[in-house]
Amino acid sequence: MDRQFFYKYAPVFLLAIAIIFQYNLFVTPEKLEQTHREILAEVAQVYITKSEFGNMKEQITDINKKLDKIYDTLISERSSDGIN
């Protein structure tokens, strides 16, 4: 390749480089890490972990068992009083 080729297409190369820098088509590792941390913080605020979900599921199961006991107690009290 000779100099004439570079002189002819130099404006195109410069334009391409300018567009790349202007629109941030390539990401620096620092900016990528910052974005990654922002995403993790947002996810931590919106979603719960698997262990927290397991704990909530156990609590709901316990609440259902207690409600069933209360319901059974009320039905047995009603039956023993002679109320249909």
PDB file of N, CA and C in Angstrom:
ATOM      1  N   MET A   1       0.842  -1.176   0.000  1.00  0.00           N
ATOM      2  CA  MET A   1       0.000   0.000   0.000  1.00  0.00           C
ATOM      3  C   MET A   1       0.888   1.242   0.000  1.00  0.00           C
ATOM      4  N   ASP A   2       0.530   2.156  -0.803  1.00  0.00           N
ATOM      5  CA  ASP A   2       1.332   3.370  -0.902  1.00  0.00           C
ATOM      6  C   ASP A   2       0.657   4.529  -0.170  1.00  0.00           C
ATOM      7  N   ARG A   3       1.346   5.655  -0.181  1.00  0.00           N
ATOM      8  CA  ARG A   3       0.857   6.824   0.540  1.00  0.00           C
ATOM      9  C   ARG A   3      -0.423   7.381  -0.066  1.00  0.00           C
ATOM     10  N   GLN A   4      -0.581   7.252  -1.330  1.00  0.00           N
ATOM     11  CA  GLN A   4      -1.763   7.790  -1.993  1.00  0.00           C
ATOM     12  C   GLN A   4      -3.042   7.139  -1.452  1.00  0.00           C
ATOM     13  N   PHE A   5      -2.955   5.857  -1.180  1.00  0.00           N
ATOM     14  CA  PHE A   5      -4.109   5.141  -0.615  1.00  0.00           C
ATOM     15  C   PHE A   5      -4.478   5.731   0.745  1.00  0.00           C
ATOM     16  N   PHE A   6      -3.475   5.955   1.604  1.00  0.00           N
ATOM     17  CA  PHE A   6      -3.737   6.515   2.933  1.00  0.00           C
ATOM     18  C   PHE A   6      -4.254   7.941   2.841  1.00  0.00           C
ATOM     19  N   TYR A   7      -3.695   8.731   1.934  1.00  0.00           N
ATOM     20  CA  TYR A   7      -4.152  10.111   1.773  1.00  0.00           C
ATOM     21  C   TYR A   7      -5.593  10.155   1.252  1.00  0.00           C
ATOM     22  N   LYS A   8      -5.932   9.222   0.403  1.00  0.00           N
ATOM     23  CA  LYS A   8      -7.261   9.197  -0.186  1.00  0.00           C
ATOM     24  C   LYS A   8      -8.328   8.822   0.846  1.00  0.00           C
ATOM     25  N   TYR A   9      -8.012   7.848   1.700  1.00  0.00           N
ATOM     26  CA  TYR A   9      -9.009   7.345   2.643  1.00  0.00           C
ATOM     27  C   TYR A   9      -8.817   7.845   4.076  1.00  0.00           C
ATOM     28  N   ALA A  10      -7.899   8.755   4.304  1.00  0.00           N
ATOM     29  CA  ALA A  10      -7.663   9.296   5.642  1.00  0.00           C
ATOM     30  C   ALA A  10      -8.906   9.979   6.222  1.00  0.00           C
ATOM     31  N   PRO A  11      -9.648  10.784   5.453  1.00  0.00           N
ATOM     32  CA  PRO A  11     -10.863  11.392   6.026  1.00  0.00           C
ATOM     33  C   PRO A  11     -11.898  10.357   6.480  1.00  0.00           C
ATOM     34  N   VAL A  12     -12.009   9.275   5.750  1.00  0.00           N
ATOM     35  CA  VAL A  12     -12.956   8.225   6.131  1.00  0.00           C
ATOM     36  C   VAL A  12     -12.515   7.581   7.442  1.00  0.00           C
ATOM     37  N   PHE A  13     -11.234   7.306   7.581  1.00  0.00           N
ATOM     38  CA  PHE A  13     -10.722   6.719   8.829  1.00  0.00           C
ATOM     39  C   PHE A  13     -10.927   7.673  10.001  1.00  0.00           C
ATOM     40  N   LEU A  14     -10.641   8.961   9.780  1.00  0.00           N
ATOM     41  CA  LEU A  14     -10.821   9.948  10.844  1.00  0.00           C
ATOM     42  C   LEU A  14     -12.290  10.088  11.231  1.00  0.00           C
ATOM     43  N   LEU A  15     -13.176  10.046  10.257  1.00  0.00           N
ATOM     44  CA  LEU A  15     -14.607  10.123  10.527  1.00  0.00           C
ATOM     45  C   LEU A  15     -15.063   8.903  11.339  1.00  0.00           C
ATOM     46  N   ALA A  16     -14.589   7.736  10.967  1.00  0.00           N
ATOM     47  CA  ALA A  16     -14.951   6.525  11.697  1.00  0.00           C
ATOM     48  C   ALA A  16     -14.456   6.588  13.144  1.00  0.00           C
ATOM     49  N   ILE A  17     -13.241   7.054  13.342  1.00  0.00           N
ATOM     50  CA  ILE A  17     -12.695   7.178  14.702  1.00  0.00           C
ATOM     51  C   ILE A  17     -13.473   8.216  15.498  1.00  0.00           C
ATOM     52  N   ALA A  18     -13.839   9.324  14.847  1.00  0.00           N
ATOM     53  CA  ALA A  18     -14.606  10.373  15.535  1.00  0.00           C
ATOM     54  C   ALA A  18     -15.977   9.850  15.960  1.00  0.00           C
ATOM     55  N   ILE A  19     -16.621   9.086  15.095  1.00  0.00           N
ATOM     56  CA  ILE A  19     -17.933   8.523  15.441  1.00  0.00           C
ATOM     57  C   ILE A  19     -17.802   7.535  16.592  1.00  0.00           C
ATOM     58  N   ILE A  20     -16.764   6.728  16.577  1.00  0.00           N
ATOM     59  CA  ILE A  20     -16.545   5.767  17.655  1.00  0.00           C
ATOM     60  C   ILE A  20     -16.395   6.478  18.992  1.00  0.00           C
ATOM     61  N   PHE A  21     -15.627   7.545  19.034  1.00  0.00           N
ATOM     62  CA  PHE A  21     -15.437   8.275  20.290  1.00  0.00           C
ATOM     63  C   PHE A  21     -16.662   9.107  20.663  1.00  0.00           C
ATOM     64  N   GLN A  22     -17.346   9.663  19.681  1.00  0.00           N
ATOM     65  CA  GLN A  22     -18.498  10.511  19.965  1.00  0.00           C
ATOM     66  C   GLN A  22     -19.652   9.706  20.558  1.00  0.00           C
ATOM     67  N   TYR A  23     -19.916   8.534  20.030  1.00  0.00           N
ATOM     68  CA  TYR A  23     -21.039   7.723  20.492  1.00  0.00           C
ATOM     69  C   TYR A  23     -20.630   6.646  21.493  1.00  0.00           C
ATOM     70  N   ASN A  24     -19.411   6.676  21.961  1.00  0.00           N
ATOM     71  CA  ASN A  24     -18.907   5.724  22.959  1.00  0.00           C
ATOM     72  C   ASN A  24     -19.225   4.280  22.564  1.00  0.00           C
ATOM     73  N   LEU A  25     -18.829   3.896  21.392  1.00  0.00           N
ATOM     74  CA  LEU A  25     -19.115   2.551  20.917  1.00  0.00           C
ATOM     75  C   LEU A  25     -18.285   1.494  21.635  1.00  0.00           C
ATOM     76  N   PHE A  26     -17.162   1.894  22.179  1.00  0.00           N
ATOM     77  CA  PHE A  26     -16.342   0.965  22.944  1.00  0.00           C
ATOM     78  C   PHE A  26     -16.353   1.399  24.404  1.00  0.00           C
ATOM     79  N   VAL A  27     -16.485   0.434  25.287  1.00  0.00           N
ATOM     80  CA  VAL A  27     -16.616   0.725  26.712  1.00  0.00           C
ATOM     81  C   VAL A  27     -15.288   0.449  27.405  1.00  0.00           C
ATOM     82  N   THR A  28     -14.924   1.349  28.305  1.00  0.00           N
ATOM     83  CA  THR A  28     -13.712   1.126  29.090  1.00  0.00           C
ATOM     84  C   THR A  28     -14.035   0.168  30.232  1.00  0.00           C
ATOM     85  N   PRO A  29     -13.055  -0.556  30.722  1.00  0.00           N
ATOM     86  CA  PRO A  29     -13.321  -1.487  31.826  1.00  0.00           C
ATOM     87  C   PRO A  29     -13.850  -0.787  33.087  1.00  0.00           C
ATOM     88  N   GLU A  30     -13.399   0.427  33.336  1.00  0.00           N
ATOM     89  CA  GLU A  30     -13.880   1.154  34.512  1.00  0.00           C
ATOM     90  C   GLU A  30     -15.362   1.471  34.387  1.00  0.00           C
ATOM     91  N   LYS A  31     -15.765   1.924  33.204  1.00  0.00           N
ATOM     92  CA  LYS A  31     -17.173   2.253  32.989  1.00  0.00           C
ATOM     93  C   LYS A  31     -18.026   0.987  33.028  1.00  0.00           C
ATOM     94  N   LEU A  32     -17.513  -0.094  32.514  1.00  0.00           N
ATOM     95  CA  LEU A  32     -18.231  -1.365  32.547  1.00  0.00           C
ATOM     96  C   LEU A  32     -18.415  -1.838  33.983  1.00  0.00           C
ATOM     97  N   GLU A  33     -17.386  -1.711  34.802  1.00  0.00           N
ATOM     98  CA  GLU A  33     -17.471  -2.104  36.208  1.00  0.00           C
ATOM     99  C   GLU A  33     -18.474  -1.232  36.956  1.00  0.00           C
ATOM    100  N   GLN A  34     -18.478   0.061  36.660  1.00  0.00           N
ATOM    101  CA  GLN A  34     -19.422   0.974  37.304  1.00  0.00           C
ATOM    102  C   GLN A  34     -20.860   0.589  36.930  1.00  0.00           C
ATOM    103  N   THR A  35     -21.100   0.317  35.671  1.00  0.00           N
ATOM    104  CA  THR A  35     -22.430  -0.088  35.232  1.00  0.00           C
ATOM    105  C   THR A  35     -22.833  -1.406  35.867  1.00  0.00           C
ATOM    106  N   HIS A  36     -21.892  -2.320  35.980  1.00  0.00           N
ATOM    107  CA  HIS A  36     -22.151  -3.618  36.606  1.00  0.00           C
ATOM    108  C   HIS A  36     -22.578  -3.430  38.058  1.00  0.00           C
ATOM    109  N   ARG A  37     -21.904  -2.571  38.785  1.00  0.00           N
ATOM    110  CA  ARG A  37     -22.258  -2.313  40.186  1.00  0.00           C
ATOM    111  C   ARG A  37     -23.633  -1.671  40.302  1.00  0.00           C
ATOM    112  N   GLU A  38     -23.954  -0.754  39.388  1.00  0.00           N
ATOM    113  CA  GLU A  38     -25.273  -0.124  39.402  1.00  0.00           C
ATOM    114  C   GLU A  38     -26.370  -1.161  39.170  1.00  0.00           C
ATOM    115  N   ILE A  39     -26.130  -2.061  38.240  1.00  0.00           N
ATOM    116  CA  ILE A  39     -27.115  -3.112  37.955  1.00  0.00           C
ATOM    117  C   ILE A  39     -27.287  -4.011  39.168  1.00  0.00           C
ATOM    118  N   LEU A  40     -26.179  -4.403  39.804  1.00  0.00           N
ATOM    119  CA  LEU A  40     -26.278  -5.255  40.987  1.00  0.00           C
ATOM    120  C   LEU A  40     -27.025  -4.564  42.118  1.00  0.00           C
ATOM    121  N   ALA A  41     -26.796  -3.270  42.310  1.00  0.00           N
ATOM    122  CA  ALA A  41     -27.501  -2.532  43.360  1.00  0.00           C
ATOM    123  C   ALA A  41     -28.991  -2.468  43.061  1.00  0.00           C
ATOM    124  N   GLU A  42     -29.339  -2.237  41.818  1.00  0.00           N
ATOM    125  CA  GLU A  42     -30.754  -2.173  41.444  1.00  0.00           C
ATOM    126  C   GLU A  42     -31.435  -3.529  41.615  1.00  0.00           C
ATOM    127  N   VAL A  43     -30.753  -4.586  41.240  1.00  0.00           N
ATOM    128  CA  VAL A  43     -31.313  -5.932  41.387  1.00  0.00           C
ATOM    129  C   VAL A  43     -31.484  -6.277  42.863  1.00  0.00           C
ATOM    130  N   ALA A  44     -30.538  -5.878  43.695  1.00  0.00           N
ATOM    131  CA  ALA A  44     -30.633  -6.162  45.126  1.00  0.00           C
ATOM    132  C   ALA A  44     -31.821  -5.439  45.755  1.00  0.00           C
ATOM    133  N   GLN A  45     -32.173  -4.274  45.236  1.00  0.00           N
ATOM    134  CA  GLN A  45     -33.321  -3.537  45.777  1.00  0.00           C
ATOM    135  C   GLN A  45     -34.642  -4.146  45.335  1.00  0.00           C
ATOM    136  N   VAL A  46     -34.688  -4.703  44.146  1.00  0.00           N
ATOM    137  CA  VAL A  46     -35.954  -5.165  43.589  1.00  0.00           C
ATOM    138  C   VAL A  46     -36.245  -6.631  43.926  1.00  0.00           C
ATOM    139  N   TYR A  47     -35.245  -7.475  43.877  1.00  0.00           N
ATOM    140  CA  TYR A  47     -35.454  -8.914  44.032  1.00  0.00           C
ATOM    141  C   TYR A  47     -34.893  -9.414  45.360  1.00  0.00           C
ATOM    142  N   ILE A  48     -35.384 -10.590  45.782  1.00  0.00           N
ATOM    143  CA  ILE A  48     -34.874 -11.202  47.010  1.00  0.00           C
ATOM    144  C   ILE A  48     -33.990 -12.388  46.643  1.00  0.00           C
ATOM    145  N   THR A  49     -33.192 -12.820  47.611  1.00  0.00           N
ATOM    146  CA  THR A  49     -32.311 -13.952  47.359  1.00  0.00           C
ATOM    147  C   THR A  49     -33.083 -15.256  47.528  1.00  0.00           C
ATOM    148  N   LYS A  50     -32.459 -16.327  47.116  1.00  0.00           N
ATOM    149  CA  LYS A  50     -33.093 -17.637  47.201  1.00  0.00           C
ATOM    150  C   LYS A  50     -33.309 -18.043  48.659  1.00  0.00           C
ATOM    151  N   SER A  51     -32.365 -17.733  49.523  1.00  0.00           N
ATOM    152  CA  SER A  51     -32.513 -18.092  50.938  1.00  0.00           C
ATOM    153  C   SER A  51     -33.631 -17.281  51.589  1.00  0.00           C
ATOM    154  N   GLU A  52     -33.753 -15.994  51.242  1.00  0.00           N
ATOM    155  CA  GLU A  52     -34.847 -15.186  51.774  1.00  0.00           C
ATOM    156  C   GLU A  52     -36.190 -15.724  51.297  1.00  0.00           C
ATOM    157  N   PHE A  53     -36.248 -16.169  50.044  1.00  0.00           N
ATOM    158  CA  PHE A  53     -37.479 -16.748  49.519  1.00  0.00           C
ATOM    159  C   PHE A  53     -37.831 -18.021  50.278  1.00  0.00           C
ATOM    160  N   GLY A  54     -36.834 -18.856  50.566  1.00  0.00           N
ATOM    161  CA  GLY A  54     -37.074 -20.079  51.334  1.00  0.00           C
ATOM    162  C   GLY A  54     -37.603 -19.763  52.730  1.00  0.00           C
ATOM    163  N   ASN A  55     -37.026 -18.742  53.372  1.00  0.00           N
ATOM    164  CA  ASN A  55     -37.493 -18.342  54.702  1.00  0.00           C
ATOM    165  C   ASN A  55     -38.927 -17.838  54.648  1.00  0.00           C
ATOM    166  N   MET A  56     -39.241 -17.042  53.642  1.00  0.00           N
ATOM    167  CA  MET A  56     -40.619 -16.552  53.505  1.00  0.00           C
ATOM    168  C   MET A  56     -41.588 -17.688  53.250  1.00  0.00           C
ATOM    169  N   LYS A  57     -41.165 -18.655  52.466  1.00  0.00           N
ATOM    170  CA  LYS A  57     -42.023 -19.798  52.171  1.00  0.00           C
ATOM    171  C   LYS A  57     -42.297 -20.595  53.441  1.00  0.00           C
ATOM    172  N   GLU A  58     -41.288 -20.778  54.286  1.00  0.00           N
ATOM    173  CA  GLU A  58     -41.484 -21.466  55.563  1.00  0.00           C
ATOM    174  C   GLU A  58     -42.441 -20.690  56.461  1.00  0.00           C
ATOM    175  N   GLN A  59     -42.299 -19.371  56.495  1.00  0.00           N
ATOM    176  CA  GLN A  59     -43.185 -18.555  57.322  1.00  0.00           C
ATOM    177  C   GLN A  59     -44.622 -18.645  56.835  1.00  0.00           C
ATOM    178  N   ILE A  60     -44.822 -18.636  55.546  1.00  0.00           N
ATOM    179  CA  ILE A  60     -46.179 -18.758  54.997  1.00  0.00           C
ATOM    180  C   ILE A  60     -46.760 -20.122  55.321  1.00  0.00           C
ATOM    181  N   THR A  61     -45.946 -21.154  55.252  1.00  0.00           N
ATOM    182  CA  THR A  61     -46.410 -22.491  55.605  1.00  0.00           C
ATOM    183  C   THR A  61     -46.819 -22.536  57.074  1.00  0.00           C
ATOM    184  N   ASP A  62     -46.018 -21.941  57.953  1.00  0.00           N
ATOM    185  CA  ASP A  62     -46.358 -21.892  59.377  1.00  0.00           C
ATOM    186  C   ASP A  62     -47.654 -21.127  59.608  1.00  0.00           C
ATOM    187  N   ILE A  63     -47.835 -20.022  58.914  1.00  0.00           N
ATOM    188  CA  ILE A  63     -49.062 -19.226  59.057  1.00  0.00           C
ATOM    189  C   ILE A  63     -50.267 -20.047  58.610  1.00  0.00           C
ATOM    190  N   ASN A  64     -50.128 -20.783  57.511  1.00  0.00           N
ATOM    191  CA  ASN A  64     -51.231 -21.619  57.034  1.00  0.00           C
ATOM    192  C   ASN A  64     -51.579 -22.709  58.040  1.00  0.00           C
ATOM    193  N   LYS A  65     -50.559 -23.307  58.648  1.00  0.00           N
ATOM    194  CA  LYS A  65     -50.820 -24.340  59.666  1.00  0.00           C
ATOM    195  C   LYS A  65     -51.554 -23.752  60.855  1.00  0.00           C
ATOM    196  N   LYS A  66     -51.134 -22.570  61.301  1.00  0.00           N
ATOM    197  CA  LYS A  66     -51.792 -21.921  62.436  1.00  0.00           C
ATOM    198  C   LYS A  66     -53.225 -21.538  62.095  1.00  0.00           C
ATOM    199  N   LEU A  67     -53.454 -21.054  60.898  1.00  0.00           N
ATOM    200  CA  LEU A  67     -54.809 -20.725  60.478  1.00  0.00           C
ATOM    201  C   LEU A  67     -55.690 -21.972  60.436  1.00  0.00           C
ATOM    202  N   ASP A  68     -55.124 -23.081  59.960  1.00  0.00           N
ATOM    203  CA  ASP A  68     -55.879 -24.332  59.946  1.00  0.00           C
ATOM    204  C   ASP A  68     -56.244 -24.763  61.369  1.00  0.00           C
ATOM    205  N   LYS A  69     -55.321 -24.607  62.312  1.00  0.00           N
ATOM    206  CA  LYS A  69     -55.604 -24.952  63.709  1.00  0.00           C
ATOM    207  C   LYS A  69     -56.707 -24.054  64.275  1.00  0.00           C
ATOM    208  N   ILE A  70     -56.641 -22.772  63.980  1.00  0.00           N
ATOM    209  CA  ILE A  70     -57.665 -21.842  64.456  1.00  0.00           C
ATOM    210  C   ILE A  70     -59.016 -22.211  63.851  1.00  0.00           C
ATOM    211  N   TYR A  71     -59.029 -22.500  62.582  1.00  0.00           N
ATOM    212  CA  TYR A  71     -60.262 -22.886  61.901  1.00  0.00           C
ATOM    213  C   TYR A  71     -60.836 -24.166  62.513  1.00  0.00           C
ATOM    214  N   ASP A  72     -59.983 -25.156  62.724  1.00  0.00           N
ATOM    215  CA  ASP A  72     -60.440 -26.404  63.343  1.00  0.00           C
ATOM    216  C   ASP A  72     -60.975 -26.161  64.749  1.00  0.00           C
ATOM    217  N   THR A  73     -60.299 -25.303  65.511  1.00  0.00           N
ATOM    218  CA  THR A  73     -60.747 -24.986  66.868  1.00  0.00           C
ATOM    219  C   THR A  73     -62.110 -24.299  66.834  1.00  0.00           C
ATOM    220  N   LEU A  74     -62.295 -23.363  65.962  1.00  0.00           N
ATOM    221  CA  LEU A  74     -63.584 -22.680  65.842  1.00  0.00           C
ATOM    222  C   LEU A  74     -64.695 -23.640  65.447  1.00  0.00           C
ATOM    223  N   ILE A  75     -64.409 -24.537  64.521  1.00  0.00           N
ATOM    224  CA  ILE A  75     -65.412 -25.510  64.093  1.00  0.00           C
ATOM    225  C   ILE A  75     -65.753 -26.456  65.243  1.00  0.00           C
ATOM    226  N   SER A  76     -64.748 -26.903  65.993  1.00  0.00           N
ATOM    227  CA  SER A  76     -65.027 -27.815  67.118  1.00  0.00           C
ATOM    228  C   SER A  76     -65.796 -27.096  68.222  1.00  0.00           C
ATOM    229  N   GLU A  77     -65.497 -25.823  68.474  1.00  0.00           N
ATOM    230  CA  GLU A  77     -66.246 -25.040  69.466  1.00  0.00           C
ATOM    231  C   GLU A  77     -67.703 -24.885  69.020  1.00  0.00           C
ATOM    232  N   ARG A  78     -67.875 -24.611  67.763  1.00  0.00           N
ATOM    233  CA  ARG A  78     -69.226 -24.434  67.239  1.00  0.00           C
ATOM    234  C   ARG A  78     -70.004 -25.750  67.317  1.00  0.00           C
ATOM    235  N   SER A  79     -69.335 -26.849  67.016  1.00  0.00           N
ATOM    236  CA  SER A  79     -69.992 -28.166  67.044  1.00  0.00           C
ATOM    237  C   SER A  79     -70.343 -28.548  68.476  1.00  0.00           C
ATOM    238  N   SER A  80     -69.458 -28.233  69.428  1.00  0.00           N
ATOM    239  CA  SER A  80     -69.716 -28.603  70.816  1.00  0.00           C
ATOM    240  C   SER A  80     -70.825 -27.760  71.440  1.00  0.00           C
ATOM    241  N   ASP A  81     -71.032 -26.540  70.912  1.00  0.00           N
ATOM    242  CA  ASP A  81     -72.107 -25.691  71.419  1.00  0.00           C
ATOM    243  C   ASP A  81     -73.448 -26.046  70.802  1.00  0.00           C
ATOM    244  N   GLY A  82     -73.467 -26.893  69.814  1.00  0.00           N
ATOM    245  CA  GLY A  82     -74.709 -27.290  69.172  1.00  0.00           C
ATOM    246  C   GLY A  82     -75.131 -26.358  68.064  1.00  0.00           C
ATOM    247  N   ILE A  83     -74.250 -25.483  67.639  1.00  0.00           N
ATOM    248  CA  ILE A  83     -74.567 -24.575  66.532  1.00  0.00           C
ATOM    249  C   ILE A  83     -74.131 -25.246  65.229  1.00  0.00           C
ATOM    250  N   ASN A  84     -75.029 -25.233  64.259  1.00  0.00           N
ATOM    251  CA  ASN A  84     -74.696 -25.895  62.995  1.00  0.00           C
ATOM    252  C   ASN A  84     -73.762 -25.091  62.188  1.00  0.00           C
TER     253      ASN A  84
END
